[in-house]
Amino acid sequence: TDIMGEFEIDDLGNFIIIRGPNGELLDKKDNRVNRRGYLVDRFGNIINKDGHVIFKAVELDIDDEIPAPFGFEKRK
């Protein structure tokens, strides 16, 4: 199950995250994401594409990264 948003990639290989009109972070399909590019609900919980909570916001580290050993890729 995919928990990453869909993004254009910049020349350095980083996700291009869009800032919405209210300051929210969005992927290229206007899905809400956190600063790591994970799909999130309005409470900051990481969700899959079906909207099911995969990680609760309190489980994320200070950088919004998912808990080890689940963090596969570290990106800026």
PDB file of N, CA and C in Angstrom:
ATOM      1  N   THR A   1       0.850  -1.191   0.000  1.00  0.00           N
ATOM      2  CA  THR A   1       0.000   0.000   0.000  1.00  0.00           C
ATOM      3  C   THR A   1       0.882   1.236   0.000  1.00  0.00           C
ATOM      4  N   ASP A   2       0.587   2.146  -0.867  1.00  0.00           N
ATOM      5  CA  ASP A   2       1.439   3.314  -1.051  1.00  0.00           C
ATOM      6  C   ASP A   2       1.043   4.431  -0.101  1.00  0.00           C
ATOM      7  N   ILE A   3       2.019   4.957   0.614  1.00  0.00           N
ATOM      8  CA  ILE A   3       1.763   6.054   1.547  1.00  0.00           C
ATOM      9  C   ILE A   3       2.442   7.345   1.111  1.00  0.00           C
ATOM     10  N   MET A   4       3.101   7.317  -0.059  1.00  0.00           N
ATOM     11  CA  MET A   4       3.767   8.514  -0.558  1.00  0.00           C
ATOM     12  C   MET A   4       2.841   9.257  -1.511  1.00  0.00           C
ATOM     13  N   GLY A   5       2.927  10.586  -1.478  1.00  0.00           N
ATOM     14  CA  GLY A   5       2.223  11.385  -2.463  1.00  0.00           C
ATOM     15  C   GLY A   5       2.884  11.225  -3.821  1.00  0.00           C
ATOM     16  N   GLU A   6       2.317  11.849  -4.827  1.00  0.00           N
ATOM     17  CA  GLU A   6       2.892  11.816  -6.176  1.00  0.00           C
ATOM     18  C   GLU A   6       3.489  13.184  -6.474  1.00  0.00           C
ATOM     19  N   PHE A   7       4.758  13.177  -6.861  1.00  0.00           N
ATOM     20  CA  PHE A   7       5.494  14.423  -7.000  1.00  0.00           C
ATOM     21  C   PHE A   7       6.297  14.491  -8.286  1.00  0.00           C
ATOM     22  N   GLU A   8       6.513  15.713  -8.749  1.00  0.00           N
ATOM     23  CA  GLU A   8       7.570  15.972  -9.711  1.00  0.00           C
ATOM     24  C   GLU A   8       8.864  15.916  -8.895  1.00  0.00           C
ATOM     25  N   ILE A   9       9.972  15.608  -9.556  1.00  0.00           N
ATOM     26  CA  ILE A   9      11.275  15.505  -8.881  1.00  0.00           C
ATOM     27  C   ILE A   9      12.183  16.604  -9.427  1.00  0.00           C
ATOM     28  N   ASP A  10      12.876  17.307  -8.515  1.00  0.00           N
ATOM     29  CA  ASP A  10      13.784  18.365  -8.976  1.00  0.00           C
ATOM     30  C   ASP A  10      15.119  17.774  -9.436  1.00  0.00           C
ATOM     31  N   ASP A  11      16.021  18.641  -9.879  1.00  0.00           N
ATOM     32  CA  ASP A  11      17.308  18.193 -10.429  1.00  0.00           C
ATOM     33  C   ASP A  11      18.178  17.469  -9.408  1.00  0.00           C
ATOM     34  N   LEU A  12      17.906  17.679  -8.103  1.00  0.00           N
ATOM     35  CA  LEU A  12      18.682  17.016  -7.055  1.00  0.00           C
ATOM     36  C   LEU A  12      18.012  15.740  -6.566  1.00  0.00           C
ATOM     37  N   GLY A  13      16.887  15.369  -7.192  1.00  0.00           N
ATOM     38  CA  GLY A  13      16.196  14.145  -6.797  1.00  0.00           C
ATOM     39  C   GLY A  13      15.235  14.322  -5.640  1.00  0.00           C
ATOM     40  N   ASN A  14      14.927  15.553  -5.305  1.00  0.00           N
ATOM     41  CA  ASN A  14      14.001  15.819  -4.196  1.00  0.00           C
ATOM     42  C   ASN A  14      12.585  15.995  -4.719  1.00  0.00           C
ATOM     43  N   PHE A  15      11.622  15.640  -3.876  1.00  0.00           N
ATOM     44  CA  PHE A  15      10.224  15.863  -4.221  1.00  0.00           C
ATOM     45  C   PHE A  15       9.943  17.357  -4.284  1.00  0.00           C
ATOM     46  N   ILE A  16       9.134  17.763  -5.255  1.00  0.00           N
ATOM     47  CA  ILE A  16       8.658  19.147  -5.305  1.00  0.00           C
ATOM     48  C   ILE A  16       7.282  19.153  -4.641  1.00  0.00           C
ATOM     49  N   ILE A  17       7.231  19.670  -3.414  1.00  0.00           N
ATOM     50  CA  ILE A  17       5.992  19.721  -2.638  1.00  0.00           C
ATOM     51  C   ILE A  17       5.366  21.094  -2.846  1.00  0.00           C
ATOM     52  N   ILE A  18       4.084  21.101  -3.155  1.00  0.00           N
ATOM     53  CA  ILE A  18       3.355  22.331  -3.458  1.00  0.00           C
ATOM     54  C   ILE A  18       2.733  22.871  -2.175  1.00  0.00           C
ATOM     55  N   ARG A  19       2.761  24.201  -2.034  1.00  0.00           N
ATOM     56  CA  ARG A  19       2.101  24.818  -0.884  1.00  0.00           C
ATOM     57  C   ARG A  19       0.742  25.326  -1.343  1.00  0.00           C
ATOM     58  N   GLY A  20      -0.301  24.862  -0.662  1.00  0.00           N
ATOM     59  CA  GLY A  20      -1.664  25.249  -1.010  1.00  0.00           C
ATOM     60  C   GLY A  20      -2.007  26.638  -0.516  1.00  0.00           C
ATOM     61  N   PRO A  21      -3.217  27.116  -0.827  1.00  0.00           N
ATOM     62  CA  PRO A  21      -3.623  28.483  -0.489  1.00  0.00           C
ATOM     63  C   PRO A  21      -3.675  28.759   1.020  1.00  0.00           C
ATOM     64  N   ASN A  22      -3.847  27.724   1.826  1.00  0.00           N
ATOM     65  CA  ASN A  22      -3.896  27.908   3.277  1.00  0.00           C
ATOM     66  C   ASN A  22      -2.601  27.475   3.951  1.00  0.00           C
ATOM     67  N   GLY A  23      -1.540  27.319   3.154  1.00  0.00           N
ATOM     68  CA  GLY A  23      -0.245  26.925   3.705  1.00  0.00           C
ATOM     69  C   GLY A  23      -0.071  25.431   3.841  1.00  0.00           C
ATOM     70  N   GLU A  24      -1.080  24.663   3.443  1.00  0.00           N
ATOM     71  CA  GLU A  24      -0.969  23.210   3.542  1.00  0.00           C
ATOM     72  C   GLU A  24      -0.008  22.693   2.474  1.00  0.00           C
ATOM     73  N   LEU A  25       0.580  21.545   2.728  1.00  0.00           N
ATOM     74  CA  LEU A  25       1.514  20.928   1.792  1.00  0.00           C
ATOM     75  C   LEU A  25       0.753  19.914   0.947  1.00  0.00           C
ATOM     76  N   LEU A  26       0.991  19.950  -0.365  1.00  0.00           N
ATOM     77  CA  LEU A  26       0.227  19.118  -1.297  1.00  0.00           C
ATOM     78  C   LEU A  26       1.146  18.438  -2.297  1.00  0.00           C
ATOM     79  N   ASP A  27       0.706  17.268  -2.786  1.00  0.00           N
ATOM     80  CA  ASP A  27       1.411  16.651  -3.906  1.00  0.00           C
ATOM     81  C   ASP A  27       0.803  17.176  -5.210  1.00  0.00           C
ATOM     82  N   LYS A  28       1.258  16.648  -6.344  1.00  0.00           N
ATOM     83  CA  LYS A  28       0.803  17.203  -7.621  1.00  0.00           C
ATOM     84  C   LYS A  28      -0.656  16.891  -7.929  1.00  0.00           C
ATOM     85  N   LYS A  29      -1.279  15.995  -7.150  1.00  0.00           N
ATOM     86  CA  LYS A  29      -2.702  15.699  -7.321  1.00  0.00           C
ATOM     87  C   LYS A  29      -3.548  16.354  -6.225  1.00  0.00           C
ATOM     88  N   ASP A  30      -2.969  17.337  -5.538  1.00  0.00           N
ATOM     89  CA  ASP A  30      -3.647  18.072  -4.464  1.00  0.00           C
ATOM     90  C   ASP A  30      -3.998  17.221  -3.251  1.00  0.00           C
ATOM     91  N   ASN A  31      -3.281  16.115  -3.071  1.00  0.00           N
ATOM     92  CA  ASN A  31      -3.433  15.336  -1.845  1.00  0.00           C
ATOM     93  C   ASN A  31      -2.593  15.991  -0.760  1.00  0.00           C
ATOM     94  N   ARG A  32      -3.105  16.031   0.471  1.00  0.00           N
ATOM     95  CA  ARG A  32      -2.358  16.607   1.585  1.00  0.00           C
ATOM     96  C   ARG A  32      -1.203  15.679   1.956  1.00  0.00           C
ATOM     97  N   VAL A  33      -0.008  16.256   2.127  1.00  0.00           N
ATOM     98  CA  VAL A  33       1.188  15.497   2.507  1.00  0.00           C
ATOM     99  C   VAL A  33       1.900  16.228   3.637  1.00  0.00           C
ATOM    100  N   ASN A  34       2.827  15.516   4.297  1.00  0.00           N
ATOM    101  CA  ASN A  34       3.679  16.210   5.267  1.00  0.00           C
ATOM    102  C   ASN A  34       4.980  16.600   4.577  1.00  0.00           C
ATOM    103  N   ARG A  35       5.904  17.187   5.331  1.00  0.00           N
ATOM    104  CA  ARG A  35       7.125  17.698   4.687  1.00  0.00           C
ATOM    105  C   ARG A  35       8.048  16.596   4.189  1.00  0.00           C
ATOM    106  N   ARG A  36       7.784  15.355   4.550  1.00  0.00           N
ATOM    107  CA  ARG A  36       8.542  14.216   4.024  1.00  0.00           C
ATOM    108  C   ARG A  36       7.885  13.611   2.792  1.00  0.00           C
ATOM    109  N   GLY A  37       6.693  14.107   2.433  1.00  0.00           N
ATOM    110  CA  GLY A  37       6.027  13.604   1.242  1.00  0.00           C
ATOM    111  C   GLY A  37       5.044  12.480   1.493  1.00  0.00           C
ATOM    112  N   TYR A  38       4.832  12.129   2.776  1.00  0.00           N
ATOM    113  CA  TYR A  38       3.859  11.089   3.089  1.00  0.00           C
ATOM    114  C   TYR A  38       2.449  11.662   3.028  1.00  0.00           C
ATOM    115  N   LEU A  39       1.506  10.867   2.541  1.00  0.00           N
ATOM    116  CA  LEU A  39       0.105  11.270   2.553  1.00  0.00           C
ATOM    117  C   LEU A  39      -0.369  11.391   4.000  1.00  0.00           C
ATOM    118  N   VAL A  40      -1.072  12.467   4.318  1.00  0.00           N
ATOM    119  CA  VAL A  40      -1.568  12.665   5.681  1.00  0.00           C
ATOM    120  C   VAL A  40      -3.030  13.087   5.658  1.00  0.00           C
ATOM    121  N   ASP A  41      -3.710  12.805   6.778  1.00  0.00           N
ATOM    122  CA  ASP A  41      -5.064  13.312   6.952  1.00  0.00           C
ATOM    123  C   ASP A  41      -4.990  14.674   7.643  1.00  0.00           C
ATOM    124  N   ARG A  42      -6.139  15.258   7.951  1.00  0.00           N
ATOM    125  CA  ARG A  42      -6.123  16.607   8.521  1.00  0.00           C
ATOM    126  C   ARG A  42      -5.550  16.661   9.931  1.00  0.00           C
ATOM    127  N   PHE A  43      -5.338  15.500  10.553  1.00  0.00           N
ATOM    128  CA  PHE A  43      -4.750  15.444  11.895  1.00  0.00           C
ATOM    129  C   PHE A  43      -3.238  15.184  11.856  1.00  0.00           C
ATOM    130  N   GLY A  44      -2.682  14.982  10.642  1.00  0.00           N
ATOM    131  CA  GLY A  44      -1.254  14.705  10.526  1.00  0.00           C
ATOM    132  C   GLY A  44      -0.893  13.239  10.606  1.00  0.00           C
ATOM    133  N   ASN A  45      -1.911  12.362  10.675  1.00  0.00           N
ATOM    134  CA  ASN A  45      -1.646  10.924  10.643  1.00  0.00           C
ATOM    135  C   ASN A  45      -1.261  10.525   9.221  1.00  0.00           C
ATOM    136  N   ILE A  46      -0.312   9.597   9.095  1.00  0.00           N
ATOM    137  CA  ILE A  46       0.060   9.112   7.765  1.00  0.00           C
ATOM    138  C   ILE A  46      -0.980   8.089   7.327  1.00  0.00           C
ATOM    139  N   ILE A  47      -1.491   8.288   6.115  1.00  0.00           N
ATOM    140  CA  ILE A  47      -2.539   7.428   5.575  1.00  0.00           C
ATOM    141  C   ILE A  47      -2.084   6.805   4.262  1.00  0.00           C
ATOM    142  N   ASN A  48      -2.793   5.754   3.851  1.00  0.00           N
ATOM    143  CA  ASN A  48      -2.536   5.200   2.520  1.00  0.00           C
ATOM    144  C   ASN A  48      -3.481   5.853   1.525  1.00  0.00           C
ATOM    145  N   LYS A  49      -3.369   5.456   0.277  1.00  0.00           N
ATOM    146  CA  LYS A  49      -4.191   6.079  -0.771  1.00  0.00           C
ATOM    147  C   LYS A  49      -5.685   5.839  -0.570  1.00  0.00           C
ATOM    148  N   ASP A  50      -6.041   4.847   0.236  1.00  0.00           N
ATOM    149  CA  ASP A  50      -7.453   4.577   0.537  1.00  0.00           C
ATOM    150  C   ASP A  50      -7.948   5.360   1.750  1.00  0.00           C
ATOM    151  N   GLY A  51      -7.057   6.135   2.392  1.00  0.00           N
ATOM    152  CA  GLY A  51      -7.454   6.941   3.543  1.00  0.00           C
ATOM    153  C   GLY A  51      -7.359   6.240   4.883  1.00  0.00           C
ATOM    154  N   HIS A  52      -6.800   5.030   4.916  1.00  0.00           N
ATOM    155  CA  HIS A  52      -6.644   4.318   6.182  1.00  0.00           C
ATOM    156  C   HIS A  52      -5.386   4.798   6.899  1.00  0.00           C
ATOM    157  N   VAL A  53      -5.478   5.013   8.216  1.00  0.00           N
ATOM    158  CA  VAL A  53      -4.322   5.464   8.994  1.00  0.00           C
ATOM    159  C   VAL A  53      -3.306   4.329   9.098  1.00  0.00           C
ATOM    160  N   ILE A  54      -2.063   4.626   8.695  1.00  0.00           N
ATOM    161  CA  ILE A  54      -0.968   3.651   8.757  1.00  0.00           C
ATOM    162  C   ILE A  54      -0.075   3.938   9.965  1.00  0.00           C
ATOM    163  N   PHE A  55       0.233   5.220  10.181  1.00  0.00           N
ATOM    164  CA  PHE A  55       0.983   5.648  11.365  1.00  0.00           C
ATOM    165  C   PHE A  55       0.278   6.849  11.955  1.00  0.00           C
ATOM    166  N   LYS A  56       0.105   6.845  13.267  1.00  0.00           N
ATOM    167  CA  LYS A  56      -0.483   8.000  13.932  1.00  0.00           C
ATOM    168  C   LYS A  56       0.561   9.112  14.019  1.00  0.00           C
ATOM    169  N   ALA A  57       0.092  10.357  14.035  1.00  0.00           N
ATOM    170  CA  ALA A  57       0.999  11.503  14.084  1.00  0.00           C
ATOM    171  C   ALA A  57       1.969  11.402  15.255  1.00  0.00           C
ATOM    172  N   VAL A  58       1.527  10.876  16.398  1.00  0.00           N
ATOM    173  CA  VAL A  58       2.400  10.783  17.582  1.00  0.00           C
ATOM    174  C   VAL A  58       3.523   9.773  17.394  1.00  0.00           C
ATOM    175  N   GLU A  59       3.410   8.891  16.398  1.00  0.00           N
ATOM    176  CA  GLU A  59       4.464   7.898  16.148  1.00  0.00           C
ATOM    177  C   GLU A  59       5.601   8.444  15.294  1.00  0.00           C
ATOM    178  N   LEU A  60       5.400   9.590  14.668  1.00  0.00           N
ATOM    179  CA  LEU A  60       6.419  10.156  13.785  1.00  0.00           C
ATOM    180  C   LEU A  60       7.496  10.835  14.606  1.00  0.00           C
ATOM    181  N   ASP A  61       8.714  10.898  14.058  1.00  0.00           N
ATOM    182  CA  ASP A  61       9.781  11.585  14.780  1.00  0.00           C
ATOM    183  C   ASP A  61       9.687  13.091  14.533  1.00  0.00           C
ATOM    184  N   ILE A  62      10.622  13.826  15.094  1.00  0.00           N
ATOM    185  CA  ILE A  62      10.565  15.285  15.046  1.00  0.00           C
ATOM    186  C   ILE A  62      10.627  15.828  13.620  1.00  0.00           C
ATOM    187  N   ASP A  63      11.158  15.040  12.688  1.00  0.00           N
ATOM    188  CA  ASP A  63      11.251  15.456  11.286  1.00  0.00           C
ATOM    189  C   ASP A  63      10.104  14.915  10.442  1.00  0.00           C
ATOM    190  N   ASP A  64       9.014  14.472  11.071  1.00  0.00           N
ATOM    191  CA  ASP A  64       7.857  13.897  10.364  1.00  0.00           C
ATOM    192  C   ASP A  64       8.188  12.600   9.642  1.00  0.00           C
ATOM    193  N   GLU A  65       9.261  11.924  10.059  1.00  0.00           N
ATOM    194  CA  GLU A  65       9.648  10.663   9.423  1.00  0.00           C
ATOM    195  C   GLU A  65       8.974   9.519  10.168  1.00  0.00           C
ATOM    196  N   ILE A  66       8.636   8.461   9.423  1.00  0.00           N
ATOM    197  CA  ILE A  66       7.999   7.303  10.043  1.00  0.00           C
ATOM    198  C   ILE A  66       9.022   6.523  10.859  1.00  0.00           C
ATOM    199  N   PRO A  67       8.540   5.713  11.831  1.00  0.00           N
ATOM    200  CA  PRO A  67       9.482   5.022  12.728  1.00  0.00           C
ATOM    201  C   PRO A  67      10.338   3.985  12.001  1.00  0.00           C
ATOM    202  N   ALA A  68      11.589   3.840  12.434  1.00  0.00           N
ATOM    203  CA  ALA A  68      12.436   2.759  11.945  1.00  0.00           C
ATOM    204  C   ALA A  68      11.789   1.460  12.409  1.00  0.00           C
ATOM    205  N   PRO A  69      11.880   0.362  11.697  1.00  0.00           N
ATOM    206  CA  PRO A  69      12.597   0.162  10.440  1.00  0.00           C
ATOM    207  C   PRO A  69      11.778   0.471   9.202  1.00  0.00           C
ATOM    208  N   PHE A  70      10.698   1.233   9.338  1.00  0.00           N
ATOM    209  CA  PHE A  70       9.803   1.485   8.215  1.00  0.00           C
ATOM    210  C   PHE A  70      10.301   2.589   7.294  1.00  0.00           C
ATOM    211  N   GLY A  71      11.165   3.493   7.775  1.00  0.00           N
ATOM    212  CA  GLY A  71      11.647   4.587   6.945  1.00  0.00           C
ATOM    213  C   GLY A  71      12.621   4.066   5.898  1.00  0.00           C
ATOM    214  N   PHE A  72      12.140   3.873   4.683  1.00  0.00           N
ATOM    215  CA  PHE A  72      12.963   3.271   3.640  1.00  0.00           C
ATOM    216  C   PHE A  72      13.907   4.284   3.017  1.00  0.00           C
ATOM    217  N   GLU A  73      13.401   5.460   2.712  1.00  0.00           N
ATOM    218  CA  GLU A  73      14.201   6.456   2.000  1.00  0.00           C
ATOM    219  C   GLU A  73      14.286   7.710   2.850  1.00  0.00           C
ATOM    220  N   LYS A  74      15.468   8.244   2.969  1.00  0.00           N
ATOM    221  CA  LYS A  74      15.624   9.545   3.596  1.00  0.00           C
ATOM    222  C   LYS A  74      15.788  10.552   2.479  1.00  0.00           C
ATOM    223  N   ARG A  75      14.874  11.498   2.403  1.00  0.00           N
ATOM    224  CA  ARG A  75      14.970  12.552   1.395  1.00  0.00           C
ATOM    225  C   ARG A  75      14.884  13.885   2.102  1.00  0.00           C
ATOM    226  N   LYS A  76      15.370  14.904   1.427  1.00  0.00           N
ATOM    227  CA  LYS A  76      15.326  16.250   2.001  1.00  0.00           C
ATOM    228  C   LYS A  76      13.902  16.737   2.028  1.00  0.00           C
TER     229      LYS A  76
END
